[in-house]
Protein backbone atom coordinates (compact mmCIF):
# COMPACT_ATOMS: atom_id res chain seq x y z
CA MET A 1 20.56 69.38 -66.27
CA ARG A 2 16.91 69.27 -67.41
CA ARG A 3 15.73 68.81 -63.84
CA LEU A 4 17.86 71.77 -62.72
CA ALA A 5 16.61 73.89 -65.58
CA ALA A 6 13.03 73.02 -64.66
CA THR A 7 13.42 74.00 -61.00
CA SER A 8 15.76 76.99 -61.14
CA ILE A 9 15.14 80.30 -62.89
CA ALA A 10 18.87 81.04 -62.81
CA MET A 11 19.66 77.70 -64.43
CA ARG A 12 16.93 78.18 -67.03
CA LEU A 13 18.32 81.59 -67.97
CA PHE A 14 21.91 80.35 -67.98
CA VAL A 15 21.21 77.19 -70.00
CA SER A 16 19.04 78.98 -72.56
CA SER A 17 21.57 81.81 -72.97
CA ALA A 18 24.51 79.42 -73.20
CA ALA A 19 22.69 77.27 -75.75
CA ALA A 20 21.81 80.34 -77.84
CA CYS A 21 25.42 81.51 -77.59
CA VAL A 22 26.77 78.14 -78.77
CA VAL A 23 24.30 77.98 -81.68
CA ILE A 24 25.02 81.56 -82.78
CA LEU A 25 28.79 81.15 -82.58
CA THR A 26 28.65 77.82 -84.41
CA VAL A 27 26.53 79.24 -87.22
CA ALA A 28 28.73 82.34 -87.38
CA GLY A 29 31.86 80.16 -87.56
CA LEU A 30 30.42 78.06 -90.38
CA VAL A 31 29.29 81.14 -92.31
CA LEU A 32 32.63 82.91 -91.88
CA THR A 33 34.52 79.76 -92.93
CA ALA A 34 32.35 79.44 -96.04
CA LEU A 35 32.84 83.13 -96.86
CA HIS A 36 36.58 82.80 -96.35
CA ARG A 37 36.71 79.78 -98.65
CA ASP A 38 34.69 81.65 -101.29
CA THR A 39 37.01 84.65 -100.94
CA ALA A 40 40.14 82.49 -101.24
CA GLU A 41 38.75 80.66 -104.28
CA ALA A 42 37.73 83.99 -105.84
CA ALA A 43 41.26 85.31 -105.32
CA LEU A 44 42.71 82.18 -106.93
CA ASP A 45 40.22 82.46 -109.81
CA GLU A 46 41.20 86.09 -110.27
CA GLN A 47 44.87 85.15 -110.45
CA LEU A 48 44.13 82.34 -112.92
CA GLY A 49 42.00 84.75 -114.94
CA VAL A 50 44.97 87.09 -115.29
CA TYR A 51 47.11 84.25 -116.64
CA LEU A 52 44.27 83.13 -118.92
CA ARG A 53 43.88 86.62 -120.40
CA ALA A 54 47.64 86.84 -120.90
CA LEU A 55 47.64 83.56 -122.86
CA VAL A 56 44.62 84.62 -124.91
CA ALA A 57 46.22 87.98 -125.68
CA ASP A 58 49.44 86.25 -126.71
CA ILE A 59 47.56 83.92 -129.04
CA ALA A 60 45.51 86.74 -130.55
CA SER A 61 48.61 88.83 -131.28
CA PRO A 62 49.51 88.87 -135.00
CA ARG A 63 52.48 86.57 -135.68
CA ASP A 64 53.82 84.50 -138.48
CA ASP A 65 53.56 81.21 -136.58
CA ALA A 66 50.79 80.70 -134.07
CA SER A 67 52.62 77.71 -132.73
CA ASP A 68 54.92 80.08 -130.91
CA ALA A 69 52.01 81.59 -128.94
CA GLY A 70 51.42 80.89 -125.28
CA GLN A 71 54.30 81.92 -123.13
CA LEU A 72 54.11 82.95 -119.44
CA ALA A 73 57.18 84.25 -117.72
CA GLU A 74 56.28 82.80 -114.31
CA PRO A 75 58.68 80.46 -112.47
CA GLN A 76 55.90 78.20 -111.11
CA PHE A 77 54.99 77.18 -114.67
CA GLU A 78 58.56 76.03 -115.33
CA LEU A 79 59.00 73.69 -112.36
CA PRO A 80 57.82 70.10 -113.01
CA LEU A 81 54.61 69.21 -111.17
CA SER A 82 54.66 72.51 -109.27
CA GLY A 83 50.87 72.64 -109.15
CA TRP A 84 50.63 75.55 -111.59
CA TYR A 85 49.89 74.57 -115.23
CA TRP A 86 48.74 75.98 -118.52
CA GLN A 87 47.79 74.19 -121.72
CA ILE A 88 46.79 75.42 -125.21
CA THR A 89 45.03 73.02 -127.55
CA ARG A 90 44.40 73.84 -131.25
CA LEU A 91 41.02 72.42 -132.13
CA ASP A 92 40.79 73.00 -135.92
CA VAL A 93 43.56 70.64 -136.95
CA SER A 94 43.79 66.89 -136.86
CA PRO A 95 45.44 65.57 -134.92
CA THR A 96 45.03 68.34 -132.35
CA ASP A 97 48.05 70.38 -131.54
CA ILE A 98 48.76 70.69 -127.78
CA ARG A 99 51.28 72.98 -126.16
CA ALA A 100 51.68 73.06 -122.35
CA SER A 101 53.82 74.49 -119.60
CA ARG A 102 56.94 72.60 -118.55
CA SER A 103 55.37 72.07 -115.15
CA LEU A 104 52.91 69.58 -116.67
CA PHE A 105 55.85 67.39 -117.62
CA ALA A 106 54.28 64.51 -119.63
CA SER A 107 50.73 64.98 -118.28
CA ARG A 108 47.69 66.61 -119.85
CA LEU A 109 44.83 68.70 -118.42
CA GLN A 110 41.26 67.45 -118.63
CA ARG A 111 38.45 69.50 -120.09
CA LEU A 112 35.64 70.93 -118.00
CA PRO A 113 32.03 70.01 -118.80
CA GLU A 114 29.88 72.44 -120.74
CA SER A 115 27.76 72.97 -117.60
CA ALA A 116 30.71 74.82 -116.02
CA ALA A 117 30.31 77.78 -118.38
CA GLU A 118 30.02 81.19 -116.72
CA PRO A 119 26.91 83.29 -117.45
CA GLY A 120 27.66 86.25 -119.68
CA GLN A 121 31.13 85.01 -120.66
CA ALA A 122 30.80 82.83 -123.75
CA GLY A 123 33.20 79.95 -123.84
CA ARG A 124 34.70 80.57 -120.37
CA ARG A 125 34.37 77.87 -117.76
CA ARG A 126 35.74 77.26 -114.27
CA GLY A 127 35.76 74.28 -111.92
CA ASN A 128 37.78 71.63 -110.15
CA ILE A 129 39.55 68.68 -111.78
CA ALA A 130 42.02 65.99 -110.85
CA GLY A 131 45.50 66.91 -111.99
CA PRO A 132 48.78 65.03 -112.15
CA ASP A 133 49.13 62.47 -109.36
CA ASN A 134 45.34 62.91 -108.84
CA LYS A 135 45.88 66.11 -106.89
CA PRO A 136 42.92 68.53 -106.93
CA LEU A 137 43.26 71.53 -109.25
CA ARG A 138 41.26 74.71 -109.77
CA MET A 139 41.02 75.43 -113.51
CA LEU A 140 39.82 78.17 -115.86
CA GLU A 141 39.47 77.48 -119.61
CA ARG A 142 38.26 79.36 -122.65
CA VAL A 143 37.73 78.59 -126.33
CA ILE A 144 38.85 81.38 -128.67
CA ASN A 145 38.76 81.93 -132.41
CA ALA A 146 42.01 83.50 -133.61
CA GLY A 147 40.81 83.85 -137.18
CA ASP A 148 43.34 82.61 -139.67
CA GLN A 149 45.55 81.38 -136.83
CA GLY A 150 42.91 78.83 -135.79
CA HIS A 151 40.60 77.79 -132.91
CA PHE A 152 42.20 77.25 -129.52
CA LEU A 153 41.25 75.88 -126.09
CA VAL A 154 43.21 77.79 -123.46
CA GLN A 155 43.43 76.24 -119.94
CA VAL A 156 45.12 77.52 -116.80
CA ALA A 157 45.10 75.50 -113.54
CA ALA A 158 46.54 75.76 -110.05
CA THR A 159 46.59 73.49 -107.03
CA THR A 160 43.92 74.01 -104.37
CA GLN A 161 46.29 72.99 -101.57
CA THR A 162 47.09 76.61 -100.84
CA VAL A 163 43.41 77.51 -100.56
CA ASP A 164 42.68 74.40 -98.50
CA GLY A 165 45.57 75.21 -96.19
CA GLN A 166 44.41 78.80 -95.76
CA VAL A 167 40.85 77.65 -95.02
CA ALA A 168 42.06 74.99 -92.56
CA GLN A 169 44.22 77.52 -90.73
CA PHE A 170 41.33 79.96 -90.72
CA GLU A 171 39.06 77.28 -89.24
CA ILE A 172 41.58 76.64 -86.47
CA ASP A 173 42.02 80.34 -85.77
CA ILE A 174 38.32 81.10 -85.75
CA GLY A 175 37.59 77.96 -83.70
CA VAL A 176 40.07 79.01 -80.99
CA THR A 177 38.84 82.60 -81.13
CA PHE A 178 35.18 81.63 -80.87
CA PHE A 179 35.92 79.13 -78.08
CA LEU A 180 37.61 81.84 -76.02
CA LEU A 181 34.76 84.19 -76.91
CA ALA A 182 32.25 81.56 -75.80
CA LEU A 183 34.02 81.18 -72.45
CA LEU A 184 33.95 84.94 -71.94
CA LEU A 185 30.28 85.11 -72.93
CA VAL A 186 29.37 82.22 -70.62
CA ALA A 187 31.21 83.90 -67.75
CA ALA A 188 29.47 87.18 -68.56
CA MET A 189 26.08 85.44 -68.68
CA ALA A 190 26.74 83.70 -65.36
CA PHE A 191 27.62 87.05 -63.79
CA GLN A 192 24.60 88.70 -65.41
CA VAL A 193 22.20 86.00 -64.18
CA ARG A 194 23.67 86.05 -60.67
CA TYR A 195 23.64 89.85 -60.51
CA GLY A 196 20.19 90.11 -62.06
CA LEU A 197 18.63 87.59 -59.66
CA ARG A 198 20.33 88.97 -56.55
CA PRO A 199 17.18 90.90 -55.48
CA LEU A 200 15.23 87.62 -55.55
CA ARG A 201 17.81 85.98 -53.28
CA GLN A 202 17.58 88.96 -50.94
CA LEU A 203 13.79 88.68 -50.95
CA ARG A 204 14.07 84.98 -50.15
CA ARG A 205 16.41 85.70 -47.22
CA ASP A 206 13.99 88.30 -45.88
CA VAL A 207 11.05 85.90 -46.14
CA VAL A 208 13.07 83.19 -44.37
CA ALA A 209 13.91 85.69 -41.60
CA VAL A 210 10.19 86.45 -41.21
CA ARG A 211 9.32 82.75 -41.15
CA ARG A 212 11.94 82.12 -38.48
CA GLY A 213 10.68 84.97 -36.37
CA GLN A 214 13.87 87.01 -36.86
CA ALA A 215 12.15 89.92 -38.63
CA GLU A 216 8.75 91.59 -38.62
CA GLY A 217 8.53 91.94 -42.39
CA VAL A 218 10.38 92.21 -45.69
CA ALA A 219 12.73 95.21 -45.53
CA GLY A 220 15.11 96.87 -47.97
CA GLU A 221 14.89 98.42 -51.41
CA PHE A 222 14.07 96.25 -54.41
CA PRO A 223 13.92 96.85 -58.19
CA GLN A 224 10.62 98.06 -59.56
CA GLU A 225 9.77 94.56 -60.86
CA ILE A 226 10.12 93.00 -57.38
CA ALA A 227 9.12 95.90 -55.14
CA PRO A 228 5.35 95.25 -55.62
CA LEU A 229 5.87 91.61 -54.62
CA ALA A 230 7.75 92.64 -51.45
CA GLU A 231 5.00 95.10 -50.61
CA GLU A 232 2.29 92.47 -51.12
CA LEU A 233 4.21 90.05 -48.91
CA ASN A 234 4.37 92.64 -46.13
CA LEU A 235 0.64 93.24 -46.50
CA LEU A 236 -0.01 89.49 -46.36
CA ILE A 237 2.14 89.11 -43.24
CA GLY A 238 0.39 92.05 -41.60
CA ALA A 239 -3.04 90.67 -42.50
CA ASN A 240 -2.12 87.27 -41.07
CA ARG A 241 -0.95 88.79 -37.80
CA GLU A 242 -4.07 90.92 -37.62
CA ILE A 243 -6.29 87.88 -38.11
CA VAL A 244 -4.36 85.94 -35.47
CA GLU A 245 -4.54 88.79 -33.00
CA ARG A 246 -8.25 89.29 -33.64
CA ALA A 247 -8.84 85.56 -33.10
CA ARG A 248 -6.91 85.68 -29.83
CA ILE A 249 -9.00 88.58 -28.63
CA GLN A 250 -12.24 86.83 -29.55
CA VAL A 251 -11.15 83.62 -27.82
CA GLY A 252 -10.20 85.59 -24.71
CA ASN A 253 -13.51 87.41 -24.72
CA LEU A 254 -15.35 84.13 -25.04
CA ALA A 255 -13.38 82.68 -22.14
CA HIS A 256 -14.27 85.60 -19.88
CA ALA A 257 -17.89 85.53 -21.03
CA LEU A 258 -18.25 81.86 -20.08
CA LYS A 259 -16.21 81.86 -16.88
CA THR A 260 -18.41 84.37 -15.11
CA PRO A 261 -21.75 82.50 -15.54
CA LEU A 262 -20.07 79.20 -14.67
CA SER A 263 -18.59 80.72 -11.51
CA VAL A 264 -22.02 82.03 -10.52
CA ILE A 265 -23.58 78.59 -11.08
CA VAL A 266 -20.86 76.87 -9.03
CA ASN A 267 -21.17 79.39 -6.19
CA GLU A 268 -24.94 79.08 -6.09
CA ALA A 269 -24.69 75.30 -6.13
CA ASP A 270 -22.12 75.29 -3.33
CA SER A 271 -24.49 77.28 -1.14
CA GLU A 272 -26.98 74.42 -1.21
CA GLN A 273 -26.39 70.88 0.04
CA THR A 274 -29.13 69.20 -1.94
CA PRO A 275 -28.48 66.40 -4.47
CA LEU A 276 -29.53 68.78 -7.25
CA ALA A 277 -27.00 71.38 -6.15
CA ARG A 278 -24.23 68.80 -6.00
CA LYS A 279 -25.13 67.55 -9.49
CA VAL A 280 -25.21 71.09 -10.85
CA ALA A 281 -21.80 71.80 -9.29
CA GLU A 282 -20.39 68.60 -10.75
CA GLN A 283 -21.66 69.34 -14.25
CA ALA A 284 -20.52 72.96 -14.00
CA GLU A 285 -16.98 71.73 -13.26
CA VAL A 286 -17.21 69.44 -16.29
CA MET A 287 -18.37 72.37 -18.41
CA SER A 288 -15.52 74.50 -17.11
CA ASP A 289 -13.00 71.82 -18.06
CA GLN A 290 -14.61 71.48 -21.48
CA VAL A 291 -14.56 75.22 -22.07
CA LYS A 292 -10.92 75.46 -21.00
CA PHE A 293 -9.97 72.53 -23.21
CA TYR A 294 -11.63 73.83 -26.39
CA LEU A 295 -10.45 77.36 -25.77
CA ASP A 296 -6.90 76.04 -25.48
CA ARG A 297 -7.38 74.17 -28.74
CA ALA A 298 -8.68 77.32 -30.44
CA ARG A 299 -5.71 79.32 -29.19
CA ALA A 300 -3.30 76.62 -30.39
CA ALA A 301 -4.90 76.44 -33.85
CA THR A 302 -4.71 80.22 -34.12
CA ARG A 303 -1.06 80.36 -33.07
CA ALA A 304 -0.13 77.45 -35.35
CA GLY A 305 -1.32 79.44 -38.37
CA ALA A 306 0.73 82.51 -37.50
CA ILE A 307 3.57 83.53 -39.80
CA GLY A 308 7.01 83.96 -38.28
CA ALA A 309 6.42 82.14 -34.98
CA ALA A 310 9.54 80.42 -33.64
CA ALA A 311 10.84 79.09 -30.30
CA ASP A 312 14.13 77.87 -28.87
CA PRO A 313 13.63 74.33 -27.44
CA ALA A 314 17.06 74.21 -25.79
CA GLN A 315 16.39 77.34 -23.76
CA ALA A 316 12.83 76.28 -22.86
CA LEU A 317 13.89 72.77 -21.80
CA ALA A 318 16.72 74.13 -19.65
CA ALA A 319 14.24 76.37 -17.82
CA MET A 320 11.86 73.43 -17.33
CA ALA A 321 14.66 71.26 -15.98
CA ARG A 322 15.42 73.87 -13.32
CA ALA A 323 11.73 74.25 -12.39
CA PHE A 324 10.91 70.53 -12.24
CA GLY A 325 14.15 69.90 -10.38
CA LYS A 326 12.75 71.94 -7.51
CA ILE A 327 9.31 70.34 -7.70
CA TYR A 328 10.68 66.78 -7.91
CA PRO A 329 14.03 66.88 -6.09
CA ALA A 330 14.24 63.08 -5.88
CA ILE A 331 14.15 62.70 -9.70
CA ASP A 332 17.35 62.82 -11.78
CA LEU A 333 16.16 64.90 -14.74
CA ALA A 334 18.65 65.13 -17.66
CA VAL A 335 18.08 67.21 -20.82
CA ASP A 336 19.95 66.90 -24.12
CA CYS A 337 18.96 69.37 -26.87
CA PRO A 338 21.04 70.88 -29.73
CA GLU A 339 21.52 74.61 -29.42
CA ASP A 340 20.68 75.27 -33.08
CA LEU A 341 17.33 73.45 -32.99
CA ARG A 342 14.28 75.68 -33.54
CA PHE A 343 10.58 74.91 -33.08
CA ARG A 344 8.38 76.30 -35.82
CA GLY A 345 5.62 77.64 -33.61
CA GLU A 346 4.74 79.60 -30.50
CA LYS A 347 6.95 79.26 -27.41
CA GLN A 348 3.89 79.02 -25.14
CA ASP A 349 2.62 75.99 -27.07
CA PHE A 350 5.99 74.25 -26.86
CA ASP A 351 6.12 74.95 -23.13
CA ASP A 352 2.63 73.49 -22.70
CA MET A 353 3.42 70.31 -24.65
CA ALA A 354 6.88 69.65 -23.25
CA GLY A 355 5.86 70.71 -19.74
CA ASN A 356 2.90 68.32 -19.66
CA LEU A 357 5.01 65.39 -20.82
CA ILE A 358 7.93 66.08 -18.47
CA ASP A 359 5.57 66.64 -15.55
CA ASN A 360 3.79 63.36 -16.31
CA ALA A 361 7.14 61.51 -16.54
CA CYS A 362 8.36 62.97 -13.23
CA LYS A 363 5.10 61.97 -11.49
CA TRP A 364 5.53 58.31 -12.44
CA ALA A 365 9.32 57.99 -12.46
CA LYS A 366 11.13 56.21 -9.65
CA SER A 367 14.39 58.12 -9.88
CA GLU A 368 15.29 59.01 -13.48
CA VAL A 369 13.85 60.98 -16.42
CA ARG A 370 15.71 61.56 -19.71
CA VAL A 371 14.69 64.27 -22.21
CA VAL A 372 16.34 64.19 -25.67
CA ALA A 373 15.59 66.39 -28.67
CA GLU A 374 17.01 65.61 -32.12
CA ALA A 375 16.28 66.62 -35.69
CA LEU A 376 14.64 64.02 -37.90
CA PRO A 377 15.99 63.26 -41.38
CA SER A 378 14.17 64.98 -44.23
CA SER A 379 11.40 62.91 -45.76
CA GLY A 380 11.58 64.71 -49.11
CA SER A 381 8.84 67.22 -48.30
CA ASP A 382 9.35 70.94 -47.72
CA ARG A 383 8.68 70.62 -43.96
CA LEU A 384 11.32 69.63 -41.41
CA PHE A 385 10.58 67.96 -38.06
CA PHE A 386 12.33 67.12 -34.83
CA GLU A 387 11.43 64.64 -32.10
CA LEU A 388 11.33 65.30 -28.37
CA THR A 389 11.72 62.00 -26.48
CA ILE A 390 10.88 61.76 -22.75
CA ASP A 391 11.84 58.50 -21.01
CA ASP A 392 11.16 57.53 -17.38
CA ASP A 393 11.94 54.50 -15.23
CA GLY A 394 8.44 54.24 -13.78
CA PRO A 395 5.97 51.35 -14.01
CA GLY A 396 5.21 52.10 -17.64
CA LEU A 397 1.90 51.55 -19.42
CA ALA A 398 0.53 48.46 -21.11
CA ALA A 399 0.36 48.68 -24.90
CA ASP A 400 -3.41 48.11 -24.95
CA ARG A 401 -3.99 51.10 -22.64
CA ARG A 402 -1.78 53.69 -24.37
CA ASP A 403 -4.44 54.82 -26.84
CA GLU A 404 -6.90 55.20 -24.00
CA ALA A 405 -4.42 57.40 -22.10
CA LEU A 406 -4.39 59.87 -24.99
CA ARG A 407 -8.15 60.41 -24.89
CA ARG A 408 -9.46 63.57 -23.33
CA GLY A 409 -10.38 63.32 -19.68
CA ARG A 410 -9.18 59.74 -19.23
CA ARG A 411 -7.05 59.05 -16.13
CA ILE A 412 -5.44 55.64 -16.01
CA ASP A 413 -4.54 55.86 -12.32
CA GLU A 414 -6.62 57.99 -9.94
CA SER A 415 -3.83 57.85 -7.33
CA LYS A 416 -1.95 60.62 -9.10
CA PRO A 417 -3.29 64.19 -9.20
CA GLY A 418 -4.56 65.67 -12.44
CA SER A 419 -7.61 66.15 -14.63
CA GLY A 420 -6.73 63.70 -17.39
CA LEU A 421 -6.49 66.49 -19.94
CA GLY A 422 -2.69 66.80 -20.11
CA LEU A 423 -1.87 64.18 -22.75
CA SER A 424 -4.94 65.00 -24.84
CA ILE A 425 -3.92 68.68 -24.87
CA VAL A 426 -0.48 67.63 -26.09
CA VAL A 427 -2.06 65.50 -28.82
CA ASP A 428 -4.29 68.36 -29.98
CA LEU A 429 -1.52 70.96 -29.87
CA ALA A 430 0.86 68.69 -31.80
CA GLY A 431 -1.86 67.93 -34.35
CA ALA A 432 -2.48 71.65 -34.86
CA TYR A 433 1.17 71.99 -35.92
CA GLY A 434 1.14 68.88 -38.10
CA GLY A 435 2.99 66.79 -35.49
CA LYS A 436 2.03 63.81 -33.36
CA LEU A 437 2.55 62.10 -29.99
CA ASN A 438 3.53 58.45 -29.70
CA LEU A 439 3.69 56.32 -26.54
CA SER A 440 5.98 53.29 -26.34
CA SER A 441 8.16 51.34 -23.93
CA SER A 442 11.20 53.16 -22.60
CA PRO A 443 14.72 51.68 -22.46
CA LEU A 444 14.73 52.85 -18.82
CA GLY A 445 11.90 50.44 -18.09
CA GLY A 446 9.01 52.89 -17.94
CA LEU A 447 7.10 54.87 -20.57
CA ARG A 448 8.53 56.71 -23.56
CA ALA A 449 6.69 59.72 -24.99
CA GLY A 450 7.83 60.68 -28.50
CA LEU A 451 6.64 64.14 -29.55
CA VAL A 452 7.19 65.03 -33.23
CA LEU A 453 7.03 68.77 -34.02
CA PRO A 454 7.88 70.99 -37.00
CA ALA A 455 11.36 72.51 -37.08
CA LEU A 456 12.96 75.46 -38.81
CA PRO A 457 15.92 74.89 -41.18
CA ARG A 458 19.26 75.24 -39.46
CA ASP A 459 21.50 78.15 -40.41
């Protein structure tokens, strides 16, 4: 949960809101329960106070025999051990004279400590004691001076079971109520978070569409908090495309600027048959190859940095299979590529890399070439890759010569046509996209070329 909360804004909002909701409802439940208990105890104290005043008034009434004082016409005081008791103790005689309700049976009520006295009411105290059978009682008591009739301690007590039962039932009711309320609040918060973050999900989908080459920019209307971000993203995408296009133009201009002087040098050298002319022509050809190579690398690096470039390997490989099938009719060329695989880059670059490798395999194969593309498992990073494997049944290449074959301008066998730049161009193009080219032994008996390239997430 902590990891999710650390990586997801929605989860952070939901967890923090849910935690605040639980804390608030818990505190509110405890406060309401305490208030309800105080209210129930106050109501019981008020009822006991009424009985206490009635006993005090009865004692204070003029009569010939104070021993007859203290009568309450309430049924609960007549039933033995009913939980409702009163007791009057005369303090100025020895031994003390005690009169009590029939409900006390043969028991007696304890006295409250002096610390239980109420402020502003001299002699009146309230508190909890243990009654008959050690059951908890709530008691009020008061010491009165009845003049000639004597000094009396008047006590009235009632069981707290009723209050405890009411509080327990209230706790259950409020617990169920707050639990249902918490569920509703959590559901409301989940809806609020999902609804509130919906523009961000839409923005993410638009950015993904741009990255996959399915859209030119971020479109749609966004809230005022996100609209500036969408606008800045569109400006960034536009600036990137402008830089890429400007770089392409500059590379093209440089290519034209160099080709013309080189062509003039070659033509002038061809018109002469001297050793110097032949050397100049040879070096001019080398320069032309070098210029072409580095210009291709510059173009590849520029295209690799473009936002939103994407290509369909399945479609490109199918077209290559048809083309090379006509060029090499004696070669059985088979292609296997998932339809949903996408190359994260320019189609022209994929065509150059795959075309060079397939052409090289067909040149050396005896009768069979196999081309397989498959997505690679995620390595835990944000980037996804796929591998294009080209196998042939040709003579193969010794392990100690494979690195040499990848160097620019190196041709292992001069019997086959070519400049020796094909594999090195593939290496440079793949490196520009963060990929790589590996050479190994093929199960068909010849050479296997494994080209690893970046891929787009599948839908």
